[in-house]
Amino acid sequence: MGRAIVRACVAGLFLVAGTIHLLNPTLFFPAMPPWIPFHLACIVISGVCELLGGLGLLMPVPAIRRAAAWGLTALLVAIFPANIHMALAHVQIHGFPRHVWVEWARLPLQPLLIGAVLWSSAYPNHLSAK
């Protein structure tokens, strides 16, 4: 699969996720670890970042795509504690399947998503030399 297709899919994922975070932030309250303050603010900020990152990945300017990819990478690292909390506390998010394997499957998928974001935002080296 080409970079553009992966980039479009990843961008779509973040645009949908960001939209859901902003339209229904309370949906994500159970996923928030209790030691993180300001749950609503964190959810809204992450939703805005997802939207901006998803839009950035779709931009025709490679430098904007790379900046968006690094921003999304930082976001994915920042939200990883919530994924760990969800797995350990068996948190159920409305609309997602409730299976233990689903709770734990998110953890190894996070680095793969980071890889897809970074790989898809890159442009071939031979183009940058021109």
C-alpha atoms as a PDB file:
ATOM      1  CA  MET A   1       0.000   0.000   0.000  1.00  0.00           C
ATOM      2  CA  GLY A   2       1.352   3.419  -0.906  1.00  0.00           C
ATOM      3  CA  ARG A   3       2.157   6.179   1.511  1.00  0.00           C
ATOM      4  CA  ALA A   4      -0.701   8.340   0.248  1.00  0.00           C
ATOM      5  CA  ILE A   5      -3.281   5.623   0.917  1.00  0.00           C
ATOM      6  CA  VAL A   6      -1.950   4.881   4.399  1.00  0.00           C
ATOM      7  CA  ARG A   7      -1.752   8.621   5.103  1.00  0.00           C
ATOM      8  CA  ALA A   8      -5.377   9.115   4.020  1.00  0.00           C
ATOM      9  CA  CYS A   9      -6.535   6.218   6.201  1.00  0.00           C
ATOM     10  CA  VAL A  10      -4.583   7.412   9.234  1.00  0.00           C
ATOM     11  CA  ALA A  11      -5.763  10.990   8.702  1.00  0.00           C
ATOM     12  CA  GLY A  12      -9.351   9.744   8.480  1.00  0.00           C
ATOM     13  CA  LEU A  13      -8.910   7.804  11.728  1.00  0.00           C
ATOM     14  CA  PHE A  14      -7.706  10.918  13.542  1.00  0.00           C
ATOM     15  CA  LEU A  15     -10.392  13.137  12.022  1.00  0.00           C
ATOM     16  CA  VAL A  16     -13.122  10.748  13.163  1.00  0.00           C
ATOM     17  CA  ALA A  17     -11.564  10.281  16.603  1.00  0.00           C
ATOM     18  CA  GLY A  18     -11.102  14.029  17.062  1.00  0.00           C
ATOM     19  CA  THR A  19     -14.673  14.707  16.059  1.00  0.00           C
ATOM     20  CA  ILE A  20     -15.979  12.131  18.533  1.00  0.00           C
ATOM     21  CA  HIS A  21     -13.776  13.571  21.297  1.00  0.00           C
ATOM     22  CA  LEU A  22     -15.265  17.019  20.725  1.00  0.00           C
ATOM     23  CA  LEU A  23     -18.881  15.995  20.159  1.00  0.00           C
ATOM     24  CA  ASN A  24     -19.085  13.574  23.091  1.00  0.00           C
ATOM     25  CA  PRO A  25     -16.156  14.119  25.468  1.00  0.00           C
ATOM     26  CA  THR A  26     -17.917  12.414  28.395  1.00  0.00           C
ATOM     27  CA  LEU A  27     -17.677   9.163  26.449  1.00  0.00           C
ATOM     28  CA  PHE A  28     -13.949   9.162  27.248  1.00  0.00           C
ATOM     29  CA  PHE A  29     -14.159   9.932  30.983  1.00  0.00           C
ATOM     30  CA  PRO A  30     -13.848   6.246  31.974  1.00  0.00           C
ATOM     31  CA  ALA A  31     -10.590   5.991  29.996  1.00  0.00           C
ATOM     32  CA  MET A  32      -8.939   8.781  31.954  1.00  0.00           C
ATOM     33  CA  PRO A  33      -6.558   7.596  34.670  1.00  0.00           C
ATOM     34  CA  PRO A  34      -7.640   9.049  38.021  1.00  0.00           C
ATOM     35  CA  TRP A  35      -4.210  10.619  38.622  1.00  0.00           C
ATOM     36  CA  ILE A  36      -4.513  12.855  35.522  1.00  0.00           C
ATOM     37  CA  PRO A  37      -6.199  16.178  36.381  1.00  0.00           C
ATOM     38  CA  PHE A  38      -8.660  18.159  34.278  1.00  0.00           C
ATOM     39  CA  HIS A  39     -10.226  15.239  32.429  1.00  0.00           C
ATOM     40  CA  LEU A  40     -12.545  17.317  30.252  1.00  0.00           C
ATOM     41  CA  ALA A  41      -9.783  19.704  29.219  1.00  0.00           C
ATOM     42  CA  CYS A  42      -7.450  16.814  28.362  1.00  0.00           C
ATOM     43  CA  ILE A  43     -10.123  15.117  26.253  1.00  0.00           C
ATOM     44  CA  VAL A  44     -11.011  18.310  24.387  1.00  0.00           C
ATOM     45  CA  ILE A  45      -7.358  19.218  23.808  1.00  0.00           C
ATOM     46  CA  SER A  46      -6.612  15.729  22.508  1.00  0.00           C
ATOM     47  CA  GLY A  47      -9.613  15.971  20.184  1.00  0.00           C
ATOM     48  CA  VAL A  48      -8.407  19.291  18.787  1.00  0.00           C
ATOM     49  CA  CYS A  49      -4.915  17.842  18.334  1.00  0.00           C
ATOM     50  CA  GLU A  50      -6.360  14.821  16.516  1.00  0.00           C
ATOM     51  CA  LEU A  51      -8.291  17.094  14.167  1.00  0.00           C
ATOM     52  CA  LEU A  52      -5.315  19.355  13.490  1.00  0.00           C
ATOM     53  CA  GLY A  53      -3.009  16.396  13.010  1.00  0.00           C
ATOM     54  CA  GLY A  54      -5.420  14.616  10.695  1.00  0.00           C
ATOM     55  CA  LEU A  55      -5.835  17.751   8.609  1.00  0.00           C
ATOM     56  CA  GLY A  56      -2.077  18.315   8.602  1.00  0.00           C
ATOM     57  CA  LEU A  57      -1.467  14.838   7.222  1.00  0.00           C
ATOM     58  CA  LEU A  58      -3.699  15.684   4.271  1.00  0.00           C
ATOM     59  CA  MET A  59      -1.808  18.849   3.353  1.00  0.00           C
ATOM     60  CA  PRO A  60       0.169  18.833   0.075  1.00  0.00           C
ATOM     61  CA  VAL A  61       3.212  20.460   1.721  1.00  0.00           C
ATOM     62  CA  PRO A  62       5.625  17.783   3.000  1.00  0.00           C
ATOM     63  CA  ALA A  63       6.901  19.964   5.858  1.00  0.00           C
ATOM     64  CA  ILE A  64       3.341  20.415   7.177  1.00  0.00           C
ATOM     65  CA  ARG A  65       2.689  16.679   6.911  1.00  0.00           C
ATOM     66  CA  ARG A  66       5.883  15.911   8.848  1.00  0.00           C
ATOM     67  CA  ALA A  67       5.031  18.457  11.551  1.00  0.00           C
ATOM     68  CA  ALA A  68       1.550  16.940  11.841  1.00  0.00           C
ATOM     69  CA  ALA A  69       3.054  13.454  12.061  1.00  0.00           C
ATOM     70  CA  TRP A  70       5.410  14.448  14.879  1.00  0.00           C
ATOM     71  CA  GLY A  71       2.558  16.182  16.684  1.00  0.00           C
ATOM     72  CA  LEU A  72       0.378  13.091  16.374  1.00  0.00           C
ATOM     73  CA  THR A  73       3.287  10.938  17.543  1.00  0.00           C
ATOM     74  CA  ALA A  74       3.621  13.109  20.653  1.00  0.00           C
ATOM     75  CA  LEU A  75      -0.132  12.820  21.211  1.00  0.00           C
ATOM     76  CA  LEU A  76      -0.062   9.036  20.864  1.00  0.00           C
ATOM     77  CA  VAL A  77       2.752   8.843  23.420  1.00  0.00           C
ATOM     78  CA  ALA A  78       0.866  11.201  25.747  1.00  0.00           C
ATOM     79  CA  ILE A  79      -2.341   9.159  25.647  1.00  0.00           C
ATOM     80  CA  PHE A  80      -0.592   5.826  26.154  1.00  0.00           C
ATOM     81  CA  PRO A  81      -1.132   5.948  29.946  1.00  0.00           C
ATOM     82  CA  ALA A  82      -4.876   6.087  29.281  1.00  0.00           C
ATOM     83  CA  ASN A  83      -4.592   2.938  27.165  1.00  0.00           C
ATOM     84  CA  ILE A  84      -2.685   1.199  29.952  1.00  0.00           C
ATOM     85  CA  HIS A  85      -5.318   2.350  32.466  1.00  0.00           C
ATOM     86  CA  MET A  86      -8.097   1.021  30.221  1.00  0.00           C
ATOM     87  CA  ALA A  87      -6.437  -2.400  30.002  1.00  0.00           C
ATOM     88  CA  LEU A  88      -5.593  -2.701  33.688  1.00  0.00           C
ATOM     89  CA  ALA A  89      -8.944  -1.383  34.957  1.00  0.00           C
ATOM     90  CA  HIS A  90     -11.011  -3.202  32.305  1.00  0.00           C
ATOM     91  CA  VAL A  91     -12.586   0.091  31.238  1.00  0.00           C
ATOM     92  CA  GLN A  92     -15.517  -0.199  28.866  1.00  0.00           C
ATOM     93  CA  ILE A  93     -16.053   2.582  26.341  1.00  0.00           C
ATOM     94  CA  HIS A  94     -19.602   2.686  25.007  1.00  0.00           C
ATOM     95  CA  GLY A  95     -19.721   1.413  21.447  1.00  0.00           C
ATOM     96  CA  PHE A  96     -16.506  -0.616  21.633  1.00  0.00           C
ATOM     97  CA  PRO A  97     -16.539  -4.406  22.045  1.00  0.00           C
ATOM     98  CA  ARG A  98     -16.078  -5.616  25.598  1.00  0.00           C
ATOM     99  CA  HIS A  99     -13.443  -8.310  25.493  1.00  0.00           C
ATOM    100  CA  VAL A 100     -10.261  -8.543  27.522  1.00  0.00           C
ATOM    101  CA  TRP A 101      -8.221  -9.088  24.362  1.00  0.00           C
ATOM    102  CA  VAL A 102      -9.570  -5.818  22.895  1.00  0.00           C
ATOM    103  CA  GLU A 103      -8.469  -3.935  26.001  1.00  0.00           C
ATOM    104  CA  TRP A 104      -4.923  -5.288  25.671  1.00  0.00           C
ATOM    105  CA  ALA A 105      -4.748  -5.201  21.858  1.00  0.00           C
ATOM    106  CA  ARG A 106      -4.656  -1.403  21.916  1.00  0.00           C
ATOM    107  CA  LEU A 107      -1.242  -1.419  23.589  1.00  0.00           C
ATOM    108  CA  PRO A 108       0.833  -3.066  20.820  1.00  0.00           C
ATOM    109  CA  LEU A 109      -1.224  -1.264  18.175  1.00  0.00           C
ATOM    110  CA  GLN A 110      -0.074   2.126  19.482  1.00  0.00           C
ATOM    111  CA  PRO A 111       3.553   1.756  18.240  1.00  0.00           C
ATOM    112  CA  LEU A 112       2.241   0.416  14.927  1.00  0.00           C
ATOM    113  CA  LEU A 113       0.018   3.480  14.571  1.00  0.00           C
ATOM    114  CA  ILE A 114       2.977   5.723  15.363  1.00  0.00           C
ATOM    115  CA  GLY A 115       4.974   3.923  12.689  1.00  0.00           C
ATOM    116  CA  ALA A 116       2.176   4.333  10.150  1.00  0.00           C
ATOM    117  CA  VAL A 117       1.850   8.041  10.933  1.00  0.00           C
ATOM    118  CA  LEU A 118       5.580   8.695  10.560  1.00  0.00           C
ATOM    119  CA  TRP A 119       6.074   6.452   7.524  1.00  0.00           C
ATOM    120  CA  SER A 120       3.084   7.803   5.637  1.00  0.00           C
ATOM    121  CA  SER A 121       4.070  11.424   6.234  1.00  0.00           C
ATOM    122  CA  ALA A 122       7.562  10.996   4.780  1.00  0.00           C
ATOM    123  CA  TYR A 123       8.369  11.675   1.200  1.00  0.00           C
ATOM    124  CA  PRO A 124      10.893   9.756  -0.885  1.00  0.00           C
ATOM    125  CA  ASN A 125      14.473  10.896  -0.284  1.00  0.00           C
ATOM    126  CA  HIS A 126      15.212  11.284  -3.976  1.00  0.00           C
ATOM    127  CA  LEU A 127      12.511  13.970  -4.216  1.00  0.00           C
ATOM    128  CA  SER A 128      14.014  16.012  -1.395  1.00  0.00           C
ATOM    129  CA  ALA A 129      17.379  16.196  -3.180  1.00  0.00           C
ATOM    130  CA  LYS A 130      15.900  18.036  -6.183  1.00  0.00           C
END
